[in-house]
Amino acid sequence: MPSRLSSTWLFDVELLARAVHFYGHEAVKKMVYELPLECWEDVSGSSVSFLFIFKTPGELWKIHRRWLR
């Protein structure tokens, strides 16, 4: 299994994609629970720039191509 991440910012999405790749969609749906946030706190000085919004679709495509074909 390759250990290098396809995307440095979308590692949580890539971890889920890897799990689906290895265990299957239905198994992952049973294993993963999404805990909703009760409150969002915006932290100033984020290292993710606004321009990343334009790069995100390509990053998601790379993850899809690598793990979910």
PDB file of N, CA and C in Angstrom:
ATOM      1  N   MET A   1       0.848  -1.193   0.000  1.00  0.00           N
ATOM      2  CA  MET A   1       0.000   0.000   0.000  1.00  0.00           C
ATOM      3  C   MET A   1       0.881   1.240   0.000  1.00  0.00           C
ATOM      4  N   PRO A   2       0.658   2.169  -0.937  1.00  0.00           N
ATOM      5  CA  PRO A   2       1.420   3.416  -0.922  1.00  0.00           C
ATOM      6  C   PRO A   2       1.100   4.217   0.335  1.00  0.00           C
ATOM      7  N   SER A   3       2.126   4.795   0.928  1.00  0.00           N
ATOM      8  CA  SER A   3       1.894   5.544   2.164  1.00  0.00           C
ATOM      9  C   SER A   3       1.833   7.048   1.918  1.00  0.00           C
ATOM     10  N   ARG A   4       2.279   7.505   0.763  1.00  0.00           N
ATOM     11  CA  ARG A   4       2.279   8.931   0.457  1.00  0.00           C
ATOM     12  C   ARG A   4       0.860   9.415   0.191  1.00  0.00           C
ATOM     13  N   LEU A   5       0.504  10.539   0.789  1.00  0.00           N
ATOM     14  CA  LEU A   5      -0.820  11.117   0.577  1.00  0.00           C
ATOM     15  C   LEU A   5      -0.898  11.793  -0.789  1.00  0.00           C
ATOM     16  N   SER A   6      -2.068  11.715  -1.407  1.00  0.00           N
ATOM     17  CA  SER A   6      -2.294  12.406  -2.681  1.00  0.00           C
ATOM     18  C   SER A   6      -2.449  13.901  -2.459  1.00  0.00           C
ATOM     19  N   SER A   7      -3.013  14.277  -1.316  1.00  0.00           N
ATOM     20  CA  SER A   7      -3.266  15.679  -1.005  1.00  0.00           C
ATOM     21  C   SER A   7      -2.813  15.964   0.413  1.00  0.00           C
ATOM     22  N   THR A   8      -2.125  17.071   0.610  1.00  0.00           N
ATOM     23  CA  THR A   8      -1.644  17.405   1.953  1.00  0.00           C
ATOM     24  C   THR A   8      -2.715  18.053   2.809  1.00  0.00           C
ATOM     25  N   TRP A   9      -3.739  18.666   2.197  1.00  0.00           N
ATOM     26  CA  TRP A   9      -4.770  19.349   2.975  1.00  0.00           C
ATOM     27  C   TRP A   9      -6.028  18.529   3.155  1.00  0.00           C
ATOM     28  N   LEU A  10      -6.257  17.568   2.307  1.00  0.00           N
ATOM     29  CA  LEU A  10      -7.488  16.781   2.365  1.00  0.00           C
ATOM     30  C   LEU A  10      -7.217  15.376   2.899  1.00  0.00           C
ATOM     31  N   PHE A  11      -6.335  15.284   3.904  1.00  0.00           N
ATOM     32  CA  PHE A  11      -5.929  13.969   4.391  1.00  0.00           C
ATOM     33  C   PHE A  11      -7.089  13.190   5.001  1.00  0.00           C
ATOM     34  N   ASP A  12      -8.057  13.860   5.620  1.00  0.00           N
ATOM     35  CA  ASP A  12      -9.198  13.149   6.198  1.00  0.00           C
ATOM     36  C   ASP A  12     -10.050  12.513   5.107  1.00  0.00           C
ATOM     37  N   VAL A  13     -10.239  13.223   4.006  1.00  0.00           N
ATOM     38  CA  VAL A  13     -10.986  12.686   2.872  1.00  0.00           C
ATOM     39  C   VAL A  13     -10.231  11.499   2.279  1.00  0.00           C
ATOM     40  N   GLU A  14      -8.920  11.637   2.193  1.00  0.00           N
ATOM     41  CA  GLU A  14      -8.125  10.550   1.629  1.00  0.00           C
ATOM     42  C   GLU A  14      -8.134   9.324   2.538  1.00  0.00           C
ATOM     43  N   LEU A  15      -8.114   9.513   3.840  1.00  0.00           N
ATOM     44  CA  LEU A  15      -8.193   8.371   4.753  1.00  0.00           C
ATOM     45  C   LEU A  15      -9.507   7.614   4.572  1.00  0.00           C
ATOM     46  N   LEU A  16     -10.604   8.346   4.417  1.00  0.00           N
ATOM     47  CA  LEU A  16     -11.892   7.698   4.174  1.00  0.00           C
ATOM     48  C   LEU A  16     -11.889   6.972   2.823  1.00  0.00           C
ATOM     49  N   ALA A  17     -11.297   7.585   1.806  1.00  0.00           N
ATOM     50  CA  ALA A  17     -11.226   6.952   0.481  1.00  0.00           C
ATOM     51  C   ALA A  17     -10.403   5.671   0.543  1.00  0.00           C
ATOM     52  N   ARG A  18      -9.303   5.689   1.289  1.00  0.00           N
ATOM     53  CA  ARG A  18      -8.490   4.477   1.446  1.00  0.00           C
ATOM     54  C   ARG A  18      -9.284   3.384   2.148  1.00  0.00           C
ATOM     55  N   ALA A  19     -10.028   3.756   3.179  1.00  0.00           N
ATOM     56  CA  ALA A  19     -10.840   2.769   3.902  1.00  0.00           C
ATOM     57  C   ALA A  19     -11.873   2.140   2.971  1.00  0.00           C
ATOM     58  N   VAL A  20     -12.534   2.963   2.156  1.00  0.00           N
ATOM     59  CA  VAL A  20     -13.512   2.444   1.195  1.00  0.00           C
ATOM     60  C   VAL A  20     -12.824   1.511   0.202  1.00  0.00           C
ATOM     61  N   HIS A  21     -11.641   1.881  -0.234  1.00  0.00           N
ATOM     62  CA  HIS A  21     -10.880   1.061  -1.183  1.00  0.00           C
ATOM     63  C   HIS A  21     -10.589  -0.321  -0.596  1.00  0.00           C
ATOM     64  N   PHE A  22     -10.171  -0.374   0.648  1.00  0.00           N
ATOM     65  CA  PHE A  22      -9.763  -1.637   1.254  1.00  0.00           C
ATOM     66  C   PHE A  22     -10.904  -2.445   1.873  1.00  0.00           C
ATOM     67  N   TYR A  23     -11.919  -1.776   2.435  1.00  0.00           N
ATOM     68  CA  TYR A  23     -12.970  -2.489   3.156  1.00  0.00           C
ATOM     69  C   TYR A  23     -14.331  -2.481   2.463  1.00  0.00           C
ATOM     70  N   GLY A  24     -14.525  -1.569   1.530  1.00  0.00           N
ATOM     71  CA  GLY A  24     -15.810  -1.455   0.846  1.00  0.00           C
ATOM     72  C   GLY A  24     -16.682  -0.381   1.470  1.00  0.00           C
ATOM     73  N   HIS A  25     -17.571   0.160   0.661  1.00  0.00           N
ATOM     74  CA  HIS A  25     -18.412   1.291   1.065  1.00  0.00           C
ATOM     75  C   HIS A  25     -19.319   0.943   2.238  1.00  0.00           C
ATOM     76  N   GLU A  26     -19.985  -0.197   2.167  1.00  0.00           N
ATOM     77  CA  GLU A  26     -20.934  -0.570   3.226  1.00  0.00           C
ATOM     78  C   GLU A  26     -20.227  -0.795   4.557  1.00  0.00           C
ATOM     79  N   ALA A  27     -19.066  -1.432   4.542  1.00  0.00           N
ATOM     80  CA  ALA A  27     -18.322  -1.679   5.781  1.00  0.00           C
ATOM     81  C   ALA A  27     -17.875  -0.364   6.418  1.00  0.00           C
ATOM     82  N   VAL A  28     -17.425   0.569   5.597  1.00  0.00           N
ATOM     83  CA  VAL A  28     -16.975   1.864   6.122  1.00  0.00           C
ATOM     84  C   VAL A  28     -18.157   2.640   6.691  1.00  0.00           C
ATOM     85  N   LYS A  29     -19.313   2.551   6.054  1.00  0.00           N
ATOM     86  CA  LYS A  29     -20.495   3.226   6.587  1.00  0.00           C
ATOM     87  C   LYS A  29     -20.827   2.723   7.989  1.00  0.00           C
ATOM     88  N   LYS A  30     -20.561   1.457   8.262  1.00  0.00           N
ATOM     89  CA  LYS A  30     -20.818   0.895   9.590  1.00  0.00           C
ATOM     90  C   LYS A  30     -19.714   1.242  10.588  1.00  0.00           C
ATOM     91  N   MET A  31     -18.480   1.447  10.093  1.00  0.00           N
ATOM     92  CA  MET A  31     -17.337   1.694  10.981  1.00  0.00           C
ATOM     93  C   MET A  31     -17.168   3.156  11.371  1.00  0.00           C
ATOM     94  N   VAL A  32     -17.647   4.082  10.545  1.00  0.00           N
ATOM     95  CA  VAL A  32     -17.362   5.508  10.736  1.00  0.00           C
ATOM     96  C   VAL A  32     -18.604   6.222  11.251  1.00  0.00           C
ATOM     97  N   TYR A  33     -18.391   7.056  12.251  1.00  0.00           N
ATOM     98  CA  TYR A  33     -19.464   7.898  12.774  1.00  0.00           C
ATOM     99  C   TYR A  33     -19.028   9.352  12.678  1.00  0.00           C
ATOM    100  N   GLU A  34     -19.857  10.165  12.067  1.00  0.00           N
ATOM    101  CA  GLU A  34     -19.559  11.601  11.960  1.00  0.00           C
ATOM    102  C   GLU A  34     -20.203  12.316  13.140  1.00  0.00           C
ATOM    103  N   LEU A  35     -19.378  12.913  13.975  1.00  0.00           N
ATOM    104  CA  LEU A  35     -19.854  13.639  15.146  1.00  0.00           C
ATOM    105  C   LEU A  35     -19.992  15.115  14.784  1.00  0.00           C
ATOM    106  N   PRO A  36     -21.202  15.625  14.716  1.00  0.00           N
ATOM    107  CA  PRO A  36     -21.394  17.032  14.348  1.00  0.00           C
ATOM    108  C   PRO A  36     -20.803  17.972  15.407  1.00  0.00           C
ATOM    109  N   LEU A  37     -20.278  19.087  14.948  1.00  0.00           N
ATOM    110  CA  LEU A  37     -19.774  20.108  15.861  1.00  0.00           C
ATOM    111  C   LEU A  37     -20.948  20.851  16.501  1.00  0.00           C
ATOM    112  N   GLU A  38     -20.818  21.143  17.764  1.00  0.00           N
ATOM    113  CA  GLU A  38     -21.838  21.953  18.428  1.00  0.00           C
ATOM    114  C   GLU A  38     -21.585  23.434  18.196  1.00  0.00           C
ATOM    115  N   CYS A  39     -20.315  23.780  17.994  1.00  0.00           N
ATOM    116  CA  CYS A  39     -19.950  25.191  17.816  1.00  0.00           C
ATOM    117  C   CYS A  39     -18.681  25.267  16.973  1.00  0.00           C
ATOM    118  N   TRP A  40     -18.675  26.163  16.005  1.00  0.00           N
ATOM    119  CA  TRP A  40     -17.494  26.371  15.167  1.00  0.00           C
ATOM    120  C   TRP A  40     -16.722  27.567  15.692  1.00  0.00           C
ATOM    121  N   GLU A  41     -15.418  27.401  15.878  1.00  0.00           N
ATOM    122  CA  GLU A  41     -14.568  28.511  16.298  1.00  0.00           C
ATOM    123  C   GLU A  41     -13.566  28.794  15.193  1.00  0.00           C
ATOM    124  N   ASP A  42     -13.645  29.979  14.631  1.00  0.00           N
ATOM    125  CA  ASP A  42     -12.731  30.384  13.575  1.00  0.00           C
ATOM    126  C   ASP A  42     -11.409  30.803  14.200  1.00  0.00           C
ATOM    127  N   VAL A  43     -10.324  30.194  13.744  1.00  0.00           N
ATOM    128  CA  VAL A  43      -8.998  30.500  14.275  1.00  0.00           C
ATOM    129  C   VAL A  43      -8.298  31.425  13.283  1.00  0.00           C
ATOM    130  N   SER A  44      -7.914  32.595  13.742  1.00  0.00           N
ATOM    131  CA  SER A  44      -7.223  33.525  12.843  1.00  0.00           C
ATOM    132  C   SER A  44      -5.820  32.997  12.544  1.00  0.00           C
ATOM    133  N   GLY A  45      -5.315  33.387  11.406  1.00  0.00           N
ATOM    134  CA  GLY A  45      -3.970  32.962  11.017  1.00  0.00           C
ATOM    135  C   GLY A  45      -3.937  31.575  10.399  1.00  0.00           C
ATOM    136  N   SER A  46      -5.039  31.141   9.823  1.00  0.00           N
ATOM    137  CA  SER A  46      -5.084  29.833   9.188  1.00  0.00           C
ATOM    138  C   SER A  46      -4.037  29.742   8.077  1.00  0.00           C
ATOM    139  N   SER A  47      -3.442  28.574   7.936  1.00  0.00           N
ATOM    140  CA  SER A  47      -2.418  28.415   6.905  1.00  0.00           C
ATOM    141  C   SER A  47      -3.019  27.992   5.563  1.00  0.00           C
ATOM    142  N   VAL A  48      -4.329  27.808   5.506  1.00  0.00           N
ATOM    143  CA  VAL A  48      -4.988  27.486   4.251  1.00  0.00           C
ATOM    144  C   VAL A  48      -5.468  28.793   3.630  1.00  0.00           C
ATOM    145  N   SER A  49      -4.994  29.078   2.436  1.00  0.00           N
ATOM    146  CA  SER A  49      -5.359  30.337   1.800  1.00  0.00           C
ATOM    147  C   SER A  49      -6.708  30.216   1.097  1.00  0.00           C
ATOM    148  N   PHE A  50      -7.320  31.349   0.865  1.00  0.00           N
ATOM    149  CA  PHE A  50      -8.596  31.397   0.153  1.00  0.00           C
ATOM    150  C   PHE A  50      -8.464  30.780  -1.243  1.00  0.00           C
ATOM    151  N   LEU A  51      -7.309  30.912  -1.857  1.00  0.00           N
ATOM    152  CA  LEU A  51      -7.105  30.401  -3.216  1.00  0.00           C
ATOM    153  C   LEU A  51      -7.157  28.878  -3.287  1.00  0.00           C
ATOM    154  N   PHE A  52      -7.045  28.207  -2.149  1.00  0.00           N
ATOM    155  CA  PHE A  52      -7.121  26.747  -2.143  1.00  0.00           C
ATOM    156  C   PHE A  52      -8.476  26.262  -2.642  1.00  0.00           C
ATOM    157  N   ILE A  53      -9.499  27.110  -2.541  1.00  0.00           N
ATOM    158  CA  ILE A  53     -10.831  26.730  -3.024  1.00  0.00           C
ATOM    159  C   ILE A  53     -10.781  26.372  -4.520  1.00  0.00           C
ATOM    160  N   PHE A  54      -9.879  26.979  -5.265  1.00  0.00           N
ATOM    161  CA  PHE A  54      -9.753  26.688  -6.691  1.00  0.00           C
ATOM    162  C   PHE A  54      -8.959  25.405  -6.942  1.00  0.00           C
ATOM    163  N   LYS A  55      -8.132  25.026  -5.979  1.00  0.00           N
ATOM    164  CA  LYS A  55      -7.305  23.825  -6.106  1.00  0.00           C
ATOM    165  C   LYS A  55      -8.045  22.576  -5.608  1.00  0.00           C
ATOM    166  N   THR A  56      -9.042  22.747  -4.755  1.00  0.00           N
ATOM    167  CA  THR A  56      -9.733  21.636  -4.118  1.00  0.00           C
ATOM    168  C   THR A  56     -10.340  20.628  -5.098  1.00  0.00           C
ATOM    169  N   PRO A  57     -11.057  21.051  -6.147  1.00  0.00           N
ATOM    170  CA  PRO A  57     -11.620  20.049  -7.066  1.00  0.00           C
ATOM    171  C   PRO A  57     -10.548  19.137  -7.669  1.00  0.00           C
ATOM    172  N   GLY A  58      -9.413  19.689  -8.022  1.00  0.00           N
ATOM    173  CA  GLY A  58      -8.324  18.872  -8.567  1.00  0.00           C
ATOM    174  C   GLY A  58      -7.767  17.907  -7.532  1.00  0.00           C
ATOM    175  N   GLU A  59      -7.665  18.360  -6.286  1.00  0.00           N
ATOM    176  CA  GLU A  59      -7.181  17.499  -5.212  1.00  0.00           C
ATOM    177  C   GLU A  59      -8.159  16.343  -4.968  1.00  0.00           C
ATOM    178  N   LEU A  60      -9.450  16.639  -4.970  1.00  0.00           N
ATOM    179  CA  LEU A  60     -10.455  15.601  -4.796  1.00  0.00           C
ATOM    180  C   LEU A  60     -10.406  14.606  -5.958  1.00  0.00           C
ATOM    181  N   TRP A  61     -10.196  15.096  -7.172  1.00  0.00           N
ATOM    182  CA  TRP A  61     -10.092  14.218  -8.339  1.00  0.00           C
ATOM    183  C   TRP A  61      -8.887  13.291  -8.215  1.00  0.00           C
ATOM    184  N   LYS A  62      -7.751  13.805  -7.735  1.00  0.00           N
ATOM    185  CA  LYS A  62      -6.566  12.963  -7.557  1.00  0.00           C
ATOM    186  C   LYS A  62      -6.847  11.834  -6.565  1.00  0.00           C
ATOM    187  N   ILE A  63      -7.534  12.161  -5.476  1.00  0.00           N
ATOM    188  CA  ILE A  63      -7.872  11.146  -4.477  1.00  0.00           C
ATOM    189  C   ILE A  63      -8.810  10.113  -5.088  1.00  0.00           C
ATOM    190  N   HIS A  64      -9.819  10.577  -5.812  1.00  0.00           N
ATOM    191  CA  HIS A  64     -10.770   9.664  -6.459  1.00  0.00           C
ATOM    192  C   HIS A  64     -10.044   8.737  -7.438  1.00  0.00           C
ATOM    193  N   ARG A  65      -9.205   9.305  -8.269  1.00  0.00           N
ATOM    194  CA  ARG A  65      -8.498   8.541  -9.289  1.00  0.00           C
ATOM    195  C   ARG A  65      -7.581   7.490  -8.654  1.00  0.00           C
ATOM    196  N   ARG A  66      -6.962   7.852  -7.528  1.00  0.00           N
ATOM    197  CA  ARG A  66      -6.001   6.946  -6.895  1.00  0.00           C
ATOM    198  C   ARG A  66      -6.681   5.835  -6.098  1.00  0.00           C
ATOM    199  N   TRP A  67      -7.785   6.138  -5.404  1.00  0.00           N
ATOM    200  CA  TRP A  67      -8.340   5.157  -4.477  1.00  0.00           C
ATOM    201  C   TRP A  67      -9.732   4.636  -4.832  1.00  0.00           C
ATOM    202  N   LEU A  68     -10.505   5.349  -5.626  1.00  0.00           N
ATOM    203  CA  LEU A  68     -11.909   4.965  -5.789  1.00  0.00           C
ATOM    204  C   LEU A  68     -12.306   4.580  -7.206  1.00  0.00           C
ATOM    205  N   ARG A  69     -11.359   4.267  -8.062  1.00  0.00           N
ATOM    206  CA  ARG A  69     -11.735   3.854  -9.424  1.00  0.00           C
ATOM    207  C   ARG A  69     -12.368   2.495  -9.413  1.00  0.00           C
TER     208      ARG A  69
END
